[in-house]
Amino acid sequence: MEKRGDLADLLERSKQKVGTDDMSAVRTKPKVTFYAVPTTDREKWRLLAHVPGSSIKFIGNFDSKAEAEAWASGPDGEAWGRTNHRE
């Protein structure tokens, strides 16, 4: 199980600059990174959506971690990223 300190560490690491590559200057939209995190009662899961330089948003109320991860990696997650994080 993830502890509160682990979530804070995850957020801090996500703020650090991830190495640059030749394509970073070409990329026009920031990449949304989803993290599956348990709710406070630990019976449900939700997604933490993070884009560097933007606010962190919480999505959904999923029954399992696998369900949350499937949503994030599927067409719904991609559509959410395009809709909610425009620069």
PDB file of N, CA and C in Angstrom:
ATOM      1  N   MET A   1       0.827  -1.191   0.000  1.00  0.00           N
ATOM      2  CA  MET A   1       0.000   0.000   0.000  1.00  0.00           C
ATOM      3  C   MET A   1       0.865   1.246   0.000  1.00  0.00           C
ATOM      4  N   GLU A   2       0.378   2.240  -0.686  1.00  0.00           N
ATOM      5  CA  GLU A   2       1.102   3.498  -0.777  1.00  0.00           C
ATOM      6  C   GLU A   2       0.856   4.333   0.467  1.00  0.00           C
ATOM      7  N   LYS A   3       1.891   4.906   0.999  1.00  0.00           N
ATOM      8  CA  LYS A   3       1.759   5.759   2.177  1.00  0.00           C
ATOM      9  C   LYS A   3       1.724   7.209   1.730  1.00  0.00           C
ATOM     10  N   ARG A   4       1.266   8.083   2.603  1.00  0.00           N
ATOM     11  CA  ARG A   4       1.154   9.503   2.285  1.00  0.00           C
ATOM     12  C   ARG A   4       2.522  10.063   1.876  1.00  0.00           C
ATOM     13  N   GLY A   5       3.599   9.653   2.523  1.00  0.00           N
ATOM     14  CA  GLY A   5       4.936  10.112   2.175  1.00  0.00           C
ATOM     15  C   GLY A   5       5.326   9.701   0.763  1.00  0.00           C
ATOM     16  N   ASP A   6       4.869   8.526   0.343  1.00  0.00           N
ATOM     17  CA  ASP A   6       5.170   8.055  -1.003  1.00  0.00           C
ATOM     18  C   ASP A   6       4.527   8.960  -2.049  1.00  0.00           C
ATOM     19  N   LEU A   7       3.303   9.425  -1.786  1.00  0.00           N
ATOM     20  CA  LEU A   7       2.622  10.311  -2.721  1.00  0.00           C
ATOM     21  C   LEU A   7       3.346  11.644  -2.814  1.00  0.00           C
ATOM     22  N   ALA A   8       3.785  12.181  -1.675  1.00  0.00           N
ATOM     23  CA  ALA A   8       4.532  13.440  -1.680  1.00  0.00           C
ATOM     24  C   ALA A   8       5.839  13.277  -2.456  1.00  0.00           C
ATOM     25  N   ASP A   9       6.507  12.145  -2.277  1.00  0.00           N
ATOM     26  CA  ASP A   9       7.744  11.866  -3.006  1.00  0.00           C
ATOM     27  C   ASP A   9       7.467  11.758  -4.509  1.00  0.00           C
ATOM     28  N   LEU A  10       6.373  11.110  -4.868  1.00  0.00           N
ATOM     29  CA  LEU A  10       5.988  10.981  -6.264  1.00  0.00           C
ATOM     30  C   LEU A  10       5.754  12.352  -6.890  1.00  0.00           C
ATOM     31  N   LEU A  11       5.065  13.217  -6.184  1.00  0.00           N
ATOM     32  CA  LEU A  11       4.806  14.562  -6.693  1.00  0.00           C
ATOM     33  C   LEU A  11       6.101  15.349  -6.845  1.00  0.00           C
ATOM     34  N   GLU A  12       6.989  15.233  -5.885  1.00  0.00           N
ATOM     35  CA  GLU A  12       8.261  15.953  -5.945  1.00  0.00           C
ATOM     36  C   GLU A  12       9.092  15.480  -7.133  1.00  0.00           C
ATOM     37  N   ARG A  13       9.141  14.161  -7.342  1.00  0.00           N
ATOM     38  CA  ARG A  13       9.906  13.622  -8.468  1.00  0.00           C
ATOM     39  C   ARG A  13       9.304  14.060  -9.798  1.00  0.00           C
ATOM     40  N   SER A  14       7.965  14.186  -9.845  1.00  0.00           N
ATOM     41  CA  SER A  14       7.334  14.587 -11.105  1.00  0.00           C
ATOM     42  C   SER A  14       7.631  16.039 -11.443  1.00  0.00           C
ATOM     43  N   LYS A  15       8.000  16.846 -10.454  1.00  0.00           N
ATOM     44  CA  LYS A  15       8.325  18.245 -10.695  1.00  0.00           C
ATOM     45  C   LYS A  15       9.745  18.420 -11.220  1.00  0.00           C
ATOM     46  N   GLN A  16      10.597  17.419 -10.991  1.00  0.00           N
ATOM     47  CA  GLN A  16      11.977  17.517 -11.444  1.00  0.00           C
ATOM     48  C   GLN A  16      12.021  17.421 -12.961  1.00  0.00           C
ATOM     49  N   LYS A  17      12.976  18.093 -13.524  1.00  0.00           N
ATOM     50  CA  LYS A  17      13.102  18.091 -14.980  1.00  0.00           C
ATOM     51  C   LYS A  17      13.549  16.709 -15.450  1.00  0.00           C
ATOM     52  N   VAL A  18      12.817  16.175 -16.379  1.00  0.00           N
ATOM     53  CA  VAL A  18      13.154  14.888 -16.965  1.00  0.00           C
ATOM     54  C   VAL A  18      14.072  15.183 -18.132  1.00  0.00           C
ATOM     55  N   GLY A  19      15.180  14.581 -18.272  1.00  0.00           N
ATOM     56  CA  GLY A  19      16.174  14.900 -19.295  1.00  0.00           C
ATOM     57  C   GLY A  19      15.627  15.417 -20.606  1.00  0.00           C
ATOM     58  N   THR A  20      16.402  16.181 -21.293  1.00  0.00           N
ATOM     59  CA  THR A  20      15.961  16.723 -22.579  1.00  0.00           C
ATOM     60  C   THR A  20      16.405  15.802 -23.693  1.00  0.00           C
ATOM     61  N   ASP A  21      15.647  15.821 -24.752  1.00  0.00           N
ATOM     62  CA  ASP A  21      16.007  15.072 -25.944  1.00  0.00           C
ATOM     63  C   ASP A  21      15.727  15.959 -27.156  1.00  0.00           C
ATOM     64  N   ASP A  22      16.101  15.521 -28.311  1.00  0.00           N
ATOM     65  CA  ASP A  22      15.937  16.328 -29.516  1.00  0.00           C
ATOM     66  C   ASP A  22      14.477  16.658 -29.803  1.00  0.00           C
ATOM     67  N   MET A  23      13.564  15.800 -29.415  1.00  0.00           N
ATOM     68  CA  MET A  23      12.150  16.013 -29.700  1.00  0.00           C
ATOM     69  C   MET A  23      11.480  16.936 -28.690  1.00  0.00           C
ATOM     70  N   SER A  24      12.107  17.231 -27.578  1.00  0.00           N
ATOM     71  CA  SER A  24      11.449  18.053 -26.555  1.00  0.00           C
ATOM     72  C   SER A  24      11.129  19.448 -27.072  1.00  0.00           C
ATOM     73  N   ALA A  25      11.949  20.002 -27.955  1.00  0.00           N
ATOM     74  CA  ALA A  25      11.677  21.331 -28.496  1.00  0.00           C
ATOM     75  C   ALA A  25      10.572  21.287 -29.548  1.00  0.00           C
ATOM     76  N   VAL A  26      10.355  20.139 -30.161  1.00  0.00           N
ATOM     77  CA  VAL A  26       9.350  19.997 -31.194  1.00  0.00           C
ATOM     78  C   VAL A  26       7.963  19.755 -30.585  1.00  0.00           C
ATOM     79  N   ARG A  27       7.919  19.118 -29.436  1.00  0.00           N
ATOM     80  CA  ARG A  27       6.657  18.765 -28.802  1.00  0.00           C
ATOM     81  C   ARG A  27       5.841  20.026 -28.526  1.00  0.00           C
ATOM     82  N   THR A  28       4.618  20.080 -29.011  1.00  0.00           N
ATOM     83  CA  THR A  28       3.793  21.276 -28.846  1.00  0.00           C
ATOM     84  C   THR A  28       2.878  21.191 -27.633  1.00  0.00           C
ATOM     85  N   LYS A  29       2.525  19.989 -27.222  1.00  0.00           N
ATOM     86  CA  LYS A  29       1.644  19.822 -26.071  1.00  0.00           C
ATOM     87  C   LYS A  29       2.392  19.080 -24.972  1.00  0.00           C
ATOM     88  N   PRO A  30       2.199  19.499 -23.713  1.00  0.00           N
ATOM     89  CA  PRO A  30       2.854  18.772 -22.628  1.00  0.00           C
ATOM     90  C   PRO A  30       2.222  17.390 -22.451  1.00  0.00           C
ATOM     91  N   LYS A  31       2.993  16.464 -21.968  1.00  0.00           N
ATOM     92  CA  LYS A  31       2.516  15.108 -21.762  1.00  0.00           C
ATOM     93  C   LYS A  31       1.827  14.991 -20.410  1.00  0.00           C
ATOM     94  N   VAL A  32       0.646  14.412 -20.405  1.00  0.00           N
ATOM     95  CA  VAL A  32      -0.074  14.145 -19.160  1.00  0.00           C
ATOM     96  C   VAL A  32       0.456  12.841 -18.599  1.00  0.00           C
ATOM     97  N   THR A  33       0.806  12.837 -17.332  1.00  0.00           N
ATOM     98  CA  THR A  33       1.243  11.622 -16.651  1.00  0.00           C
ATOM     99  C   THR A  33       0.187  11.262 -15.628  1.00  0.00           C
ATOM    100  N   PHE A  34      -0.310  10.034 -15.693  1.00  0.00           N
ATOM    101  CA  PHE A  34      -1.315   9.566 -14.754  1.00  0.00           C
ATOM    102  C   PHE A  34      -0.660   8.649 -13.725  1.00  0.00           C
ATOM    103  N   TYR A  35      -1.056   8.799 -12.474  1.00  0.00           N
ATOM    104  CA  TYR A  35      -0.620   7.922 -11.386  1.00  0.00           C
ATOM    105  C   TYR A  35      -1.862   7.395 -10.687  1.00  0.00           C
ATOM    106  N   ALA A  36      -1.979   6.083 -10.512  1.00  0.00           N
ATOM    107  CA  ALA A  36      -3.099   5.503  -9.777  1.00  0.00           C
ATOM    108  C   ALA A  36      -2.781   5.587  -8.285  1.00  0.00           C
ATOM    109  N   VAL A  37      -3.680   6.205  -7.528  1.00  0.00           N
ATOM    110  CA  VAL A  37      -3.488   6.357  -6.080  1.00  0.00           C
ATOM    111  C   VAL A  37      -4.759   5.922  -5.360  1.00  0.00           C
ATOM    112  N   PRO A  38      -4.621   5.297  -4.196  1.00  0.00           N
ATOM    113  CA  PRO A  38      -5.808   4.884  -3.451  1.00  0.00           C
ATOM    114  C   PRO A  38      -6.492   6.089  -2.801  1.00  0.00           C
ATOM    115  N   THR A  39      -7.799   5.973  -2.606  1.00  0.00           N
ATOM    116  CA  THR A  39      -8.519   7.013  -1.872  1.00  0.00           C
ATOM    117  C   THR A  39      -8.200   6.862  -0.390  1.00  0.00           C
ATOM    118  N   THR A  40      -8.670   7.783   0.416  1.00  0.00           N
ATOM    119  CA  THR A  40      -8.337   7.746   1.841  1.00  0.00           C
ATOM    120  C   THR A  40      -8.868   6.497   2.529  1.00  0.00           C
ATOM    121  N   ASP A  41     -10.005   5.979   2.095  1.00  0.00           N
ATOM    122  CA  ASP A  41     -10.526   4.754   2.715  1.00  0.00           C
ATOM    123  C   ASP A  41      -9.879   3.487   2.144  1.00  0.00           C
ATOM    124  N   ARG A  42      -9.044   3.656   1.106  1.00  0.00           N
ATOM    125  CA  ARG A  42      -8.274   2.581   0.465  1.00  0.00           C
ATOM    126  C   ARG A  42      -9.137   1.486  -0.160  1.00  0.00           C
ATOM    127  N   GLU A  43     -10.427   1.762  -0.357  1.00  0.00           N
ATOM    128  CA  GLU A  43     -11.286   0.791  -1.035  1.00  0.00           C
ATOM    129  C   GLU A  43     -11.456   1.129  -2.507  1.00  0.00           C
ATOM    130  N   LYS A  44     -11.243   2.364  -2.860  1.00  0.00           N
ATOM    131  CA  LYS A  44     -11.371   2.825  -4.233  1.00  0.00           C
ATOM    132  C   LYS A  44     -10.047   3.414  -4.691  1.00  0.00           C
ATOM    133  N   TRP A  45      -9.925   3.622  -5.987  1.00  0.00           N
ATOM    134  CA  TRP A  45      -8.723   4.203  -6.578  1.00  0.00           C
ATOM    135  C   TRP A  45      -9.116   5.408  -7.415  1.00  0.00           C
ATOM    136  N   ARG A  46      -8.197   6.345  -7.548  1.00  0.00           N
ATOM    137  CA  ARG A  46      -8.400   7.476  -8.440  1.00  0.00           C
ATOM    138  C   ARG A  46      -7.086   7.771  -9.140  1.00  0.00           C
ATOM    139  N   LEU A  47      -7.172   8.553 -10.179  1.00  0.00           N
ATOM    140  CA  LEU A  47      -5.983   8.906 -10.937  1.00  0.00           C
ATOM    141  C   LEU A  47      -5.549  10.317 -10.599  1.00  0.00           C
ATOM    142  N   LEU A  48      -4.272  10.477 -10.438  1.00  0.00           N
ATOM    143  CA  LEU A  48      -3.665  11.787 -10.267  1.00  0.00           C
ATOM    144  C   LEU A  48      -3.102  12.137 -11.643  1.00  0.00           C
ATOM    145  N   ALA A  49      -3.584  13.218 -12.217  1.00  0.00           N
ATOM    146  CA  ALA A  49      -3.113  13.648 -13.537  1.00  0.00           C
ATOM    147  C   ALA A  49      -2.175  14.823 -13.362  1.00  0.00           C
ATOM    148  N   HIS A  50      -0.977  14.702 -13.924  1.00  0.00           N
ATOM    149  CA  HIS A  50       0.025  15.749 -13.755  1.00  0.00           C
ATOM    150  C   HIS A  50       0.635  16.126 -15.089  1.00  0.00           C
ATOM    151  N   VAL A  51       0.698  17.430 -15.313  1.00  0.00           N
ATOM    152  CA  VAL A  51       1.416  17.994 -16.457  1.00  0.00           C
ATOM    153  C   VAL A  51       2.412  18.975 -15.870  1.00  0.00           C
ATOM    154  N   PRO A  52       3.698  18.859 -16.177  1.00  0.00           N
ATOM    155  CA  PRO A  52       4.671  19.805 -15.632  1.00  0.00           C
ATOM    156  C   PRO A  52       4.247  21.253 -15.893  1.00  0.00           C
ATOM    157  N   GLY A  53       4.279  22.056 -14.838  1.00  0.00           N
ATOM    158  CA  GLY A  53       3.901  23.458 -14.945  1.00  0.00           C
ATOM    159  C   GLY A  53       2.417  23.712 -14.823  1.00  0.00           C
ATOM    160  N   SER A  54       1.636  22.693 -14.523  1.00  0.00           N
ATOM    161  CA  SER A  54       0.191  22.830 -14.412  1.00  0.00           C
ATOM    162  C   SER A  54      -0.266  22.264 -13.068  1.00  0.00           C
ATOM    163  N   SER A  55      -1.503  22.564 -12.706  1.00  0.00           N
ATOM    164  CA  SER A  55      -2.014  22.050 -11.439  1.00  0.00           C
ATOM    165  C   SER A  55      -2.285  20.550 -11.547  1.00  0.00           C
ATOM    166  N   ILE A  56      -2.278  19.887 -10.413  1.00  0.00           N
ATOM    167  CA  ILE A  56      -2.532  18.453 -10.348  1.00  0.00           C
ATOM    168  C   ILE A  56      -4.032  18.252 -10.204  1.00  0.00           C
ATOM    169  N   LYS A  57      -4.573  17.301 -10.958  1.00  0.00           N
ATOM    170  CA  LYS A  57      -6.006  17.033 -10.911  1.00  0.00           C
ATOM    171  C   LYS A  57      -6.240  15.576 -10.559  1.00  0.00           C
ATOM    172  N   PHE A  58      -7.328  15.329  -9.838  1.00  0.00           N
ATOM    173  CA  PHE A  58      -7.720  13.972  -9.493  1.00  0.00           C
ATOM    174  C   PHE A  58      -8.922  13.577 -10.339  1.00  0.00           C
ATOM    175  N   ILE A  59      -8.907  12.347 -10.836  1.00  0.00           N
ATOM    176  CA  ILE A  59      -9.947  11.869 -11.740  1.00  0.00           C
ATOM    177  C   ILE A  59     -10.539  10.577 -11.207  1.00  0.00           C
ATOM    178  N   GLY A  60     -11.860  10.505 -11.235  1.00  0.00           N
ATOM    179  CA  GLY A  60     -12.582   9.259 -11.065  1.00  0.00           C
ATOM    180  C   GLY A  60     -12.617   8.637  -9.692  1.00  0.00           C
ATOM    181  N   ASN A  61     -13.316   7.559  -9.655  1.00  0.00           N
ATOM    182  CA  ASN A  61     -13.505   6.755  -8.457  1.00  0.00           C
ATOM    183  C   ASN A  61     -13.578   5.306  -8.936  1.00  0.00           C
ATOM    184  N   PHE A  62     -12.418   4.712  -9.158  1.00  0.00           N
ATOM    185  CA  PHE A  62     -12.329   3.390  -9.757  1.00  0.00           C
ATOM    186  C   PHE A  62     -12.341   2.306  -8.694  1.00  0.00           C
ATOM    187  N   ASP A  63     -12.849   1.124  -9.050  1.00  0.00           N
ATOM    188  CA  ASP A  63     -12.936   0.013  -8.103  1.00  0.00           C
ATOM    189  C   ASP A  63     -11.602  -0.676  -7.867  1.00  0.00           C
ATOM    190  N   SER A  64     -10.677  -0.578  -8.818  1.00  0.00           N
ATOM    191  CA  SER A  64      -9.379  -1.239  -8.654  1.00  0.00           C
ATOM    192  C   SER A  64      -8.289  -0.419  -9.329  1.00  0.00           C
ATOM    193  N   LYS A  65      -7.056  -0.718  -8.961  1.00  0.00           N
ATOM    194  CA  LYS A  65      -5.915  -0.052  -9.577  1.00  0.00           C
ATOM    195  C   LYS A  65      -5.839  -0.405 -11.056  1.00  0.00           C
ATOM    196  N   ALA A  66      -6.120  -1.663 -11.375  1.00  0.00           N
ATOM    197  CA  ALA A  66      -6.080  -2.103 -12.768  1.00  0.00           C
ATOM    198  C   ALA A  66      -7.103  -1.357 -13.618  1.00  0.00           C
ATOM    199  N   GLU A  67      -8.292  -1.116 -13.070  1.00  0.00           N
ATOM    200  CA  GLU A  67      -9.322  -0.375 -13.795  1.00  0.00           C
ATOM    201  C   GLU A  67      -8.873   1.070 -14.046  1.00  0.00           C
ATOM    202  N   ALA A  68      -8.267   1.690 -13.031  1.00  0.00           N
ATOM    203  CA  ALA A  68      -7.772   3.066 -13.177  1.00  0.00           C
ATOM    204  C   ALA A  68      -6.677   3.140 -14.232  1.00  0.00           C
ATOM    205  N   GLU A  69      -5.745   2.197 -14.196  1.00  0.00           N
ATOM    206  CA  GLU A  69      -4.650   2.189 -15.164  1.00  0.00           C
ATOM    207  C   GLU A  69      -5.151   1.910 -16.578  1.00  0.00           C
ATOM    208  N   ALA A  70      -6.155   1.046 -16.704  1.00  0.00           N
ATOM    209  CA  ALA A  70      -6.720   0.756 -18.022  1.00  0.00           C
ATOM    210  C   ALA A  70      -7.393   2.004 -18.595  1.00  0.00           C
ATOM    211  N   TRP A  71      -8.094   2.759 -17.765  1.00  0.00           N
ATOM    212  CA  TRP A  71      -8.737   3.996 -18.220  1.00  0.00           C
ATOM    213  C   TRP A  71      -7.678   4.988 -18.688  1.00  0.00           C
ATOM    214  N   ALA A  72      -6.620   5.143 -17.900  1.00  0.00           N
ATOM    215  CA  ALA A  72      -5.577   6.116 -18.219  1.00  0.00           C
ATOM    216  C   ALA A  72      -4.847   5.777 -19.516  1.00  0.00           C
ATOM    217  N   SER A  73      -4.616   4.511 -19.775  1.00  0.00           N
ATOM    218  CA  SER A  73      -3.864   4.121 -20.964  1.00  0.00           C
ATOM    219  C   SER A  73      -4.755   3.922 -22.193  1.00  0.00           C
ATOM    220  N   GLY A  74      -6.050   3.983 -22.005  1.00  0.00           N
ATOM    221  CA  GLY A  74      -6.981   3.783 -23.116  1.00  0.00           C
ATOM    222  C   GLY A  74      -7.402   5.089 -23.773  1.00  0.00           C
ATOM    223  N   PRO A  75      -8.374   4.999 -24.660  1.00  0.00           N
ATOM    224  CA  PRO A  75      -8.832   6.185 -25.395  1.00  0.00           C
ATOM    225  C   PRO A  75      -9.452   7.254 -24.487  1.00  0.00           C
ATOM    226  N   ASP A  76     -10.064   6.838 -23.381  1.00  0.00           N
ATOM    227  CA  ASP A  76     -10.652   7.824 -22.476  1.00  0.00           C
ATOM    228  C   ASP A  76      -9.584   8.698 -21.835  1.00  0.00           C
ATOM    229  N   GLY A  77      -8.481   8.096 -21.431  1.00  0.00           N
ATOM    230  CA  GLY A  77      -7.383   8.860 -20.840  1.00  0.00           C
ATOM    231  C   GLY A  77      -6.743   9.811 -21.839  1.00  0.00           C
ATOM    232  N   GLU A  78      -6.571   9.338 -23.062  1.00  0.00           N
ATOM    233  CA  GLU A  78      -5.994  10.193 -24.111  1.00  0.00           C
ATOM    234  C   GLU A  78      -6.917  11.374 -24.406  1.00  0.00           C
ATOM    235  N   ALA A  79      -8.217  11.108 -24.496  1.00  0.00           N
ATOM    236  CA  ALA A  79      -9.181  12.175 -24.763  1.00  0.00           C
ATOM    237  C   ALA A  79      -9.205  13.178 -23.612  1.00  0.00           C
ATOM    238  N   TRP A  80      -9.126  12.679 -22.380  1.00  0.00           N
ATOM    239  CA  TRP A  80      -9.105  13.567 -21.223  1.00  0.00           C
ATOM    240  C   TRP A  80      -7.887  14.480 -21.276  1.00  0.00           C
ATOM    241  N   GLY A  81      -6.749  13.930 -21.612  1.00  0.00           N
ATOM    242  CA  GLY A  81      -5.525  14.716 -21.709  1.00  0.00           C
ATOM    243  C   GLY A  81      -5.611  15.797 -22.767  1.00  0.00           C
ATOM    244  N   ARG A  82      -6.171  15.462 -23.922  1.00  0.00           N
ATOM    245  CA  ARG A  82      -6.316  16.465 -24.987  1.00  0.00           C
ATOM    246  C   ARG A  82      -7.290  17.555 -24.579  1.00  0.00           C
ATOM    247  N   THR A  83      -8.356  17.204 -23.904  1.00  0.00           N
ATOM    248  CA  THR A  83      -9.396  18.165 -23.535  1.00  0.00           C
ATOM    249  C   THR A  83      -8.998  19.053 -22.368  1.00  0.00           C
ATOM    250  N   ASN A  84      -8.334  18.502 -21.374  1.00  0.00           N
ATOM    251  CA  ASN A  84      -8.104  19.229 -20.132  1.00  0.00           C
ATOM    252  C   ASN A  84      -6.747  19.906 -20.005  1.00  0.00           C
ATOM    253  N   HIS A  85      -5.837  19.647 -20.898  1.00  0.00           N
ATOM    254  CA  HIS A  85      -4.509  20.261 -20.774  1.00  0.00           C
ATOM    255  C   HIS A  85      -4.073  20.870 -22.089  1.00  0.00           C
ATOM    256  N   ARG A  86      -4.721  21.944 -22.432  1.00  0.00           N
ATOM    257  CA  ARG A  86      -4.318  22.700 -23.626  1.00  0.00           C
ATOM    258  C   ARG A  86      -3.426  23.831 -23.212  1.00  0.00           C
ATOM    259  N   GLU A  87      -2.432  24.100 -23.997  1.00  0.00           N
ATOM    260  CA  GLU A  87      -1.504  25.202 -23.728  1.00  0.00           C
ATOM    261  C   GLU A  87      -1.794  26.345 -24.648  1.00  0.00           C
TER     262      GLU A  87
END
